Structures are given as C-alpha cells and as structure tokens.
Amino acid sequence: MLVNITLIPFLLGIISNVSEDFTFFPEYLYEIHQTQIKYGKINNITKLNSTLTCHPVHAENLRCYLHDIMSTESSFVQNLNQENISSNPIQNEEWFMMEFNNRGVYITIIESSVTNSINLIPDIVSQFSIGINIKINNRFEENRYLGIMNENTTIGTCTTTYKTIVIYRNKTNETMDSKFQIKLLKNNFSSQKDLNIHIVKNRKNCTYSSDFANSFNGGKVTKYDHVIELINNKLTFTTILEVMKVQLFDSRRSLKTPMFKKTTQLKLIDMKSRK
C-alpha cells in the first residue's frame, strides 16, 4: 500500500510502500555535522556531531529529538605547528518543535531544560526554512527560478538571492533507495516524476542582531550561503557563514583577515516507523 507522508511541511513529502495491515508513523533520521573556527594567533576549532530524529505531529509541525551529541575541540598554534585536541560526549537527549508556514519555520518551541546544545538548535532549525512563499510562487516548480527578498536569519535580516533548479527525471536510478521516494508537496504528488532539486540562497547586506554584532565587533560577513539539495533521493542541507575583519586603506585598497567560519550540514539518512 502506497502512503503519502509529509517530510518538510509545505515543501517536500515522501511516498512509501507499507503493508496494508500496518499503521505507519514515520520517523526521519538525520546526521548533523557542524564545524566552527575562530581565527587568531591560536585557531580554535569546535566540531559538533549529532543525530537528529524528527516525526510529523500534524501536517504543519515537526517534533525533533537531538541526541548522541559529540563535541570535539582543538586549538592550533600556527607558528609552532602545535595542535591540542579534546573530545566531550554530551549525553542528554533534547527535544524541540518546529511549526511551519508557506515560507518555512515560523515558531520554534525548545525544551526549557536545554543547556548543552542550545546554540546548535537554531542552526538546525534554519536549515528547514526555504524563505520563499512556495504556495503562491508557482514559478518555483519551473525548471529555474530566481528571486530576491529580505530574510530573517540567525544573525539578523539579510537580502537573499534565491536560485532554484527543479529537474524532473524521465529515468529512475535503479540504485536509488526503494524504501521511499522524496517528492515536492503539490497537487499531483502521487503521480509526480522523480526529481532533483537544487536551491541556493546567497545572503548579503545583513543588518546584524545585537548579539551577533557584539560577538564580532568590527567583523563583516563576507559569505552566508544556504544550500538545499535533493539529488538521487538524497536530501542534504548546508549553511556556510564566514566573517572577516576588513581594514580599509583607501577607496581601492583593503585588507581582509579571517575571524570566524561556521559550516553546518544536515543529511537525511533513513526513514522508519515509530511503531
């Protein structure tokens, strides 16, 4: 029996074949990898690896559990070519709820006792927000779409250029995972051809939040990209944030020094039933 299930509200769904006498409650498993680098005389590197398990609560909500969190910290002294590494497993499981509208996540409810990974959760949530009003934007389903609009992000409000490519494939890859197929959520969901999706969001001219501005006094965001890819039924989210200190000598000359870089990646690795 084929069932249609919400993967990301308003954006992506899943078609899966289950037994007729089987009540199916989907659960999605993601891998999370984040690397933060603070540059200086000593480069401090923090790597967070974790597992995220999400399931739909209603058609517009996802409830997620963050678990198996491992933090690895290292420092590197360039002149001395020395590196120190320490690892720290974070044991407690933490949950949060995401509520969606046509543009992505608009409300996040986080467990009040969350302490260890509170800084990671907003970065995870932001991966699920596309920012385009896909319900009224019919051009999103065309092969290519280009648009510009303001977007609220974890660092402030930015001017975001959206580039999307949706390619419907005539031939299905026989090596593709047959447990489920990811589709766009729209009227002809069940009869839809297999597809690849590539969404690139380039964020510029950001008005920083006070917290971000205070953390990087004198810093300027030189790269802030969010990419959503669905290739051969494999779903990946990636965000790259780079901050540099810019010294202006005159109208033509400047010196850029790296201050900070953060890369966050989310990969869907499996779907199963909770019962």
Protein backbone atom coordinates (compact mmCIF):
# COMPACT_ATOMS: atom_id res chain seq x y z
CA MET A 1 0.00 0.00 0.00
CA LEU A 2 1.41 3.40 -1.01
CA VAL A 3 1.23 6.16 1.61
CA ASN A 4 1.93 9.88 1.18
CA ILE A 5 3.72 11.46 4.13
CA THR A 6 4.94 14.95 4.97
CA LEU A 7 8.73 15.25 5.20
CA ILE A 8 9.09 19.05 5.35
CA PRO A 9 5.72 20.84 5.64
CA PHE A 10 4.70 22.82 2.53
CA LEU A 11 7.87 21.75 0.66
CA LEU A 12 8.69 18.04 0.50
CA GLY A 13 6.82 14.79 1.02
CA ILE A 14 7.55 11.09 0.84
CA ILE A 15 5.86 8.21 -0.95
CA SER A 16 6.48 4.88 0.78
CA ASN A 17 5.18 1.35 0.27
CA VAL A 18 3.91 -0.23 3.52
CA SER A 19 1.88 -3.27 4.45
CA GLU A 20 -1.91 -2.77 4.39
CA ASP A 21 -2.30 -4.09 7.93
CA PHE A 22 0.47 -1.82 9.22
CA THR A 23 -0.17 1.54 10.90
CA PHE A 24 2.65 3.77 9.72
CA PHE A 25 4.02 6.58 11.92
CA PRO A 26 7.09 7.96 10.11
CA GLU A 27 10.30 8.94 11.82
CA TYR A 28 13.16 10.64 9.99
CA LEU A 29 16.80 10.23 10.95
CA TYR A 30 19.36 12.96 10.16
CA GLU A 31 23.10 13.25 10.69
CA ILE A 32 24.38 16.65 11.82
CA HIS A 33 27.92 17.92 11.38
CA GLN A 34 28.98 21.42 12.39
CA THR A 35 32.46 22.96 12.39
CA GLN A 36 33.27 26.37 13.92
CA ILE A 37 36.66 28.01 13.51
CA LYS A 38 37.74 31.11 15.45
CA TYR A 39 40.85 32.55 13.85
CA GLY A 40 43.64 34.33 15.68
CA LYS A 41 47.16 33.71 16.92
CA ILE A 42 45.64 30.45 18.09
CA ASN A 43 42.95 28.94 15.85
CA ASN A 44 40.21 27.38 17.98
CA ILE A 45 38.14 24.70 16.24
CA THR A 46 34.92 23.19 17.60
CA LYS A 47 33.25 20.24 15.87
CA LEU A 48 29.78 19.06 16.82
CA ASN A 49 28.44 15.75 15.52
CA SER A 50 24.96 14.62 16.41
CA THR A 51 21.88 12.65 15.40
CA LEU A 52 18.50 14.27 14.86
CA THR A 53 15.26 12.28 14.87
CA CYS A 54 12.08 14.03 13.67
CA HIS A 55 8.48 12.98 13.19
CA PRO A 56 5.38 14.85 11.97
CA VAL A 57 2.93 15.79 14.73
CA HIS A 58 0.43 17.48 12.44
CA ALA A 59 0.63 18.48 8.77
CA GLU A 60 2.38 21.73 9.80
CA ASN A 61 4.56 20.56 12.72
CA LEU A 62 7.73 18.52 13.20
CA ARG A 63 8.87 17.32 16.62
CA CYS A 64 12.60 16.59 16.78
CA TYR A 65 14.98 14.95 19.22
CA LEU A 66 18.67 15.85 19.33
CA HIS A 67 20.83 13.04 20.70
CA ASP A 68 24.23 11.31 20.53
CA ILE A 69 25.97 14.68 20.63
CA MET A 70 29.76 14.67 20.47
CA SER A 71 31.83 17.83 20.83
CA THR A 72 35.48 17.91 19.76
CA GLU A 73 37.61 20.97 20.48
CA SER A 74 41.08 21.64 19.16
CA SER A 75 43.50 24.56 19.12
CA PHE A 76 46.25 25.10 16.61
CA VAL A 77 49.22 27.43 17.06
CA GLN A 78 50.34 28.23 13.52
CA ASN A 79 53.85 29.47 14.24
CA LEU A 80 54.67 26.47 16.44
CA ASN A 81 52.68 23.93 14.39
CA GLN A 82 51.13 22.59 17.61
CA GLU A 83 47.63 21.14 17.98
CA ASN A 84 45.70 20.12 21.11
CA ILE A 85 42.50 18.02 20.82
CA SER A 86 39.85 17.10 23.40
CA SER A 87 36.52 15.28 22.94
CA ASN A 88 33.42 15.57 25.10
CA PRO A 89 30.27 13.43 24.66
CA ILE A 90 27.06 15.23 25.66
CA GLN A 91 24.68 12.60 26.98
CA ASN A 92 21.29 14.22 27.45
CA GLU A 93 18.56 13.96 24.81
CA GLU A 94 16.86 17.24 23.94
CA TRP A 95 13.67 17.97 22.02
CA PHE A 96 12.22 20.90 20.14
CA MET A 97 9.16 21.55 17.99
CA MET A 98 9.07 23.38 14.64
CA GLU A 99 5.85 24.91 13.31
CA PHE A 100 5.81 25.74 9.58
CA ASN A 101 4.01 28.08 7.21
CA ASN A 102 4.47 28.67 3.46
CA ARG A 103 7.92 30.19 3.98
CA GLY A 104 9.33 27.60 6.38
CA VAL A 105 9.70 27.56 10.16
CA TYR A 106 7.92 30.43 11.91
CA ILE A 107 7.73 29.17 15.52
CA THR A 108 10.22 27.04 17.45
CA ILE A 109 9.43 25.58 20.88
CA ILE A 110 12.55 24.43 22.73
CA GLU A 111 12.62 22.32 25.88
CA SER A 112 13.23 24.68 28.80
CA SER A 113 15.95 22.48 30.31
CA VAL A 114 18.13 22.56 27.19
CA THR A 115 21.61 23.77 28.11
CA ASN A 116 24.40 21.98 26.29
CA SER A 117 23.31 22.34 22.68
CA ILE A 118 21.08 25.41 22.76
CA ASN A 119 23.45 27.13 20.33
CA LEU A 120 23.14 24.26 17.87
CA ILE A 121 19.34 24.11 17.72
CA PRO A 122 18.77 27.50 15.96
CA ASP A 123 21.29 26.46 13.30
CA ILE A 124 19.40 23.20 12.79
CA VAL A 125 16.03 24.96 12.59
CA SER A 126 17.29 27.43 10.00
CA GLN A 127 18.18 24.56 7.64
CA PHE A 128 14.47 23.77 7.21
CA SER A 129 13.40 27.30 6.20
CA ILE A 130 13.29 27.97 2.48
CA GLY A 131 12.11 31.60 2.81
CA ILE A 132 10.15 31.67 -0.48
CA ASN A 133 6.37 31.66 -0.25
CA ILE A 134 6.13 28.47 -2.29
CA LYS A 135 2.32 28.29 -2.10
CA ILE A 136 1.83 31.44 -4.19
CA ASN A 137 5.11 31.22 -6.10
CA ASN A 138 4.16 28.92 -8.95
CA ARG A 139 7.44 29.64 -10.71
CA PHE A 140 9.22 27.65 -8.01
CA GLU A 141 8.06 24.48 -9.76
CA GLU A 142 9.54 25.54 -13.08
CA ASN A 143 12.99 24.33 -14.11
CA ARG A 144 14.65 27.53 -12.87
CA TYR A 145 13.64 30.35 -10.54
CA LEU A 146 15.49 33.47 -9.45
CA GLY A 147 14.20 35.88 -6.83
CA ILE A 148 15.39 38.45 -4.27
CA MET A 149 13.76 39.24 -0.92
CA ASN A 150 14.53 40.02 2.72
CA GLU A 151 15.02 37.08 5.08
CA ASN A 152 15.21 36.80 8.86
CA THR A 153 18.20 34.64 9.81
CA THR A 154 20.08 33.60 12.94
CA ILE A 155 22.43 36.60 12.59
CA GLY A 156 19.87 39.27 11.59
CA THR A 157 17.97 40.39 8.49
CA CYS A 158 19.64 39.81 5.13
CA THR A 159 18.91 40.45 1.46
CA THR A 160 18.71 36.96 -0.01
CA THR A 161 19.03 35.93 -3.64
CA TYR A 162 17.27 32.63 -4.34
CA LYS A 163 18.33 30.39 -7.19
CA THR A 164 16.35 27.19 -7.62
CA ILE A 165 16.58 24.39 -10.15
CA VAL A 166 13.93 21.65 -10.27
CA ILE A 167 14.63 18.83 -12.73
CA TYR A 168 12.09 16.07 -13.32
CA ARG A 169 13.87 12.91 -14.40
CA ASN A 170 12.46 10.61 -17.08
CA LYS A 171 14.52 7.64 -15.95
CA THR A 172 14.68 6.43 -12.37
CA ASN A 173 18.05 5.50 -10.93
CA GLU A 174 17.81 1.77 -10.23
CA THR A 175 20.33 2.02 -7.41
CA MET A 176 18.16 4.51 -5.54
CA ASP A 177 16.86 3.56 -2.08
CA SER A 178 13.49 1.89 -2.73
CA LYS A 179 12.13 2.35 0.82
CA PHE A 180 10.79 5.80 -0.04
CA GLN A 181 10.79 8.48 -2.72
CA ILE A 182 11.01 12.21 -1.94
CA LYS A 183 8.68 14.48 -3.91
CA LEU A 184 7.52 18.10 -3.98
CA LEU A 185 4.35 18.62 -1.94
CA LYS A 186 1.78 19.70 -4.50
CA ASN A 187 -1.49 18.60 -6.12
CA ASN A 188 -0.12 15.83 -8.37
CA PHE A 189 2.07 14.45 -5.58
CA SER A 190 1.47 10.72 -6.20
CA SER A 191 1.87 10.84 -9.99
CA GLN A 192 4.91 13.12 -9.89
CA LYS A 193 8.08 12.06 -11.69
CA ASP A 194 11.30 11.54 -9.77
CA LEU A 195 13.16 14.81 -9.40
CA ASN A 196 16.34 16.59 -8.38
CA ILE A 197 16.18 19.93 -6.56
CA HIS A 198 18.96 22.47 -6.07
CA ILE A 199 18.20 25.59 -4.00
CA VAL A 200 20.94 28.16 -3.33
CA LYS A 201 20.35 31.14 -1.05
CA ASN A 202 23.06 33.84 -1.14
CA ARG A 203 22.63 36.28 1.76
CA LYS A 204 24.18 39.74 1.64
CA ASN A 205 23.83 43.25 3.14
CA CYS A 206 22.80 41.85 6.51
CA THR A 207 21.58 44.05 9.36
CA TYR A 208 23.14 42.21 12.27
CA SER A 209 21.37 41.38 15.52
CA SER A 210 22.88 42.99 18.62
CA ASP A 211 24.17 39.62 19.87
CA PHE A 212 25.94 38.89 16.59
CA ALA A 213 27.36 42.42 16.30
CA ASN A 214 28.72 42.26 19.85
CA SER A 215 30.32 38.86 19.24
CA PHE A 216 32.19 40.06 16.15
CA ASN A 217 32.94 43.70 16.83
CA GLY A 218 34.47 45.11 13.65
CA GLY A 219 33.67 41.95 11.70
CA LYS A 220 31.88 41.78 8.37
CA VAL A 221 30.01 38.79 6.94
CA THR A 222 31.65 38.03 3.60
CA LYS A 223 29.83 34.78 2.87
CA TYR A 224 26.49 33.46 4.12
CA ASP A 225 25.04 30.75 1.89
CA HIS A 226 22.31 28.19 2.47
CA VAL A 227 22.00 25.24 0.07
CA ILE A 228 19.25 22.60 -0.09
CA GLU A 229 19.93 19.67 -2.40
CA LEU A 230 17.83 16.67 -3.33
CA ILE A 231 19.98 14.53 -5.63
CA ASN A 232 19.06 10.92 -6.44
CA ASN A 233 16.67 10.82 -3.47
CA LYS A 234 19.40 12.02 -1.06
CA LEU A 235 18.48 15.18 0.90
CA THR A 236 21.21 17.48 2.24
CA PHE A 237 21.15 20.95 3.85
CA THR A 238 24.33 23.05 4.14
CA THR A 239 24.95 26.54 5.53
CA ILE A 240 28.32 28.33 5.39
CA LEU A 241 28.96 31.54 7.35
CA GLU A 242 32.25 33.45 7.07
CA VAL A 243 33.21 36.59 9.00
CA MET A 244 36.26 38.74 8.25
CA LYS A 245 37.82 41.84 9.71
CA VAL A 246 38.08 44.42 6.93
CA GLN A 247 40.63 47.23 7.10
CA LEU A 248 40.15 49.99 4.52
CA PHE A 249 43.25 51.89 3.42
CA ASP A 250 41.55 53.92 0.70
CA SER A 251 38.72 53.53 -1.83
CA ARG A 252 40.65 50.85 -3.73
CA ARG A 253 42.69 49.04 -1.11
CA SER A 254 41.58 46.91 1.80
CA LEU A 255 42.88 44.05 3.91
CA LYS A 256 40.61 41.15 4.88
CA THR A 257 41.58 38.97 7.83
CA PRO A 258 39.56 35.81 8.67
CA MET A 259 37.81 35.99 12.05
CA PHE A 260 35.27 33.16 12.05
CA LYS A 261 33.82 30.39 9.91
CA LYS A 262 30.90 28.07 10.64
CA THR A 263 29.73 25.20 8.43
CA THR A 264 26.53 23.33 9.33
CA GLN A 265 25.37 20.26 7.41
CA LEU A 266 22.25 18.14 7.81
CA LYS A 267 21.77 14.84 5.94
CA LEU A 268 18.66 12.67 5.81
CA ILE A 269 19.95 9.11 6.20
CA ASP A 270 16.88 7.00 6.92
CA MET A 271 13.12 6.79 7.45
CA LYS A 272 11.32 4.20 9.57
CA SER A 273 8.12 3.70 11.52
CA ARG A 274 7.95 4.57 15.22
CA LYS A 275 5.65 1.54 15.75
